[in-house]
Protein backbone atom coordinates (compact mmCIF):
# COMPACT_ATOMS: atom_id res chain seq x y z
CA UNK A 1 0.00 0.00 0.00
CA UNK A 2 1.43 3.32 -1.04
CA UNK A 3 1.19 6.54 0.98
CA UNK A 4 -1.30 7.82 -1.59
CA UNK A 5 -3.61 4.87 -0.90
CA UNK A 6 -3.45 5.64 2.80
CA UNK A 7 -4.20 9.30 2.09
CA UNK A 8 -7.24 8.35 0.04
CA UNK A 9 -8.56 6.05 2.79
CA UNK A 10 -8.05 8.72 5.46
CA UNK A 11 -9.75 11.29 3.22
CA UNK A 12 -12.82 9.09 2.76
CA UNK A 13 -13.04 8.36 6.48
CA UNK A 14 -12.65 12.04 7.35
CA UNK A 15 -15.35 12.98 4.85
CA UNK A 16 -17.77 10.41 6.29
CA UNK A 17 -16.94 11.63 9.80
CA UNK A 18 -17.58 15.24 8.82
CA UNK A 19 -20.90 14.33 7.22
CA UNK A 20 -21.96 12.46 10.36
CA UNK A 21 -20.93 15.48 12.44
CA UNK A 22 -22.96 17.84 10.25
CA UNK A 23 -25.99 15.57 10.59
CA UNK A 24 -25.58 15.38 14.36
CA UNK A 25 -25.22 19.13 14.68
CA UNK A 26 -28.31 19.72 12.57
CA UNK A 27 -30.32 17.30 14.71
CA UNK A 28 -29.17 19.19 17.82
CA UNK A 29 -30.18 22.46 16.11
CA UNK A 30 -26.65 23.85 16.19
CA UNK A 31 -26.82 25.31 12.72
CA UNK A 32 -23.84 27.66 13.08
CA UNK A 33 -21.49 24.81 13.97
CA UNK A 34 -23.01 22.61 11.24
CA UNK A 35 -22.51 25.38 8.68
CA UNK A 36 -18.89 25.82 9.74
CA UNK A 37 -18.21 22.08 9.50
CA UNK A 38 -19.96 21.86 6.11
CA UNK A 39 -17.92 24.81 4.81
CA UNK A 40 -14.68 23.19 5.94
CA UNK A 41 -15.75 19.91 4.32
CA UNK A 42 -16.66 21.63 1.05
CA UNK A 43 -13.29 23.40 1.04
CA UNK A 44 -11.46 20.12 1.65
CA UNK A 45 -13.39 18.32 -1.11
CA UNK A 46 -12.72 21.18 -3.57
CA UNK A 47 -8.98 21.19 -2.81
CA UNK A 48 -8.85 17.39 -3.09
CA UNK A 49 -10.69 17.43 -6.44
CA UNK A 50 -8.48 20.19 -7.84
CA UNK A 51 -5.39 18.29 -6.71
CA UNK A 52 -6.60 15.11 -8.45
CA UNK A 53 -7.27 16.99 -11.68
CA UNK A 54 -3.91 18.76 -11.67
CA UNK A 55 -2.01 15.54 -10.93
CA UNK A 56 -3.85 13.70 -13.71
CA UNK A 57 -3.04 16.48 -16.20
CA UNK A 58 0.64 16.71 -15.20
CA UNK A 59 1.37 12.98 -14.88
CA UNK A 60 2.83 11.22 -17.92
CA UNK A 61 0.37 9.06 -19.81
CA UNK A 62 0.85 5.30 -19.56
CA UNK A 63 0.61 3.40 -22.81
CA UNK A 64 0.33 -0.36 -22.57
CA UNK A 65 2.24 -2.51 -25.01
CA UNK A 66 0.29 -4.88 -27.19
CA UNK A 67 -1.64 -4.97 -30.38
CA UNK A 68 -5.11 -4.93 -28.85
CA UNK A 69 -5.99 -8.36 -30.21
CA UNK A 70 -7.76 -9.41 -27.03
CA UNK A 71 -10.00 -6.37 -27.19
CA UNK A 72 -10.75 -6.95 -30.88
CA UNK A 73 -11.65 -10.59 -30.20
CA UNK A 74 -14.00 -9.51 -27.40
CA UNK A 75 -15.70 -6.97 -29.66
CA UNK A 76 -16.02 -9.18 -32.73
CA UNK A 77 -16.95 -12.44 -31.03
CA UNK A 78 -18.92 -11.08 -28.10
CA UNK A 79 -17.64 -11.23 -24.58
CA UNK A 80 -18.90 -14.27 -22.69
CA UNK A 81 -18.05 -15.03 -19.11
CA UNK A 82 -16.85 -18.51 -18.45
CA UNK A 83 -16.93 -19.73 -14.88
CA UNK A 84 -13.85 -21.32 -13.36
CA UNK A 85 -15.83 -24.50 -12.65
CA UNK A 86 -16.16 -25.26 -16.38
CA UNK A 87 -12.37 -25.33 -16.79
CA UNK A 88 -11.68 -27.87 -14.06
């Protein structure tokens, strides 16, 4: 697991935690605190999204080697799933 995977997991957990907190604060009628938490969450999500977009635009493109024959066979002959039990 790379540090970026860990960052993504922590980000998802923090987002869920913030949403739960906003819900709790709204139930308790603490709208000012809920608004502040929601604003911080929206800011975090915006920064995260912008970062993802910038990284995807700046990163070099990965081109896989191969002639694409597997894809062509799937398209021309129709893709059918074969269960592992049939091959035993």
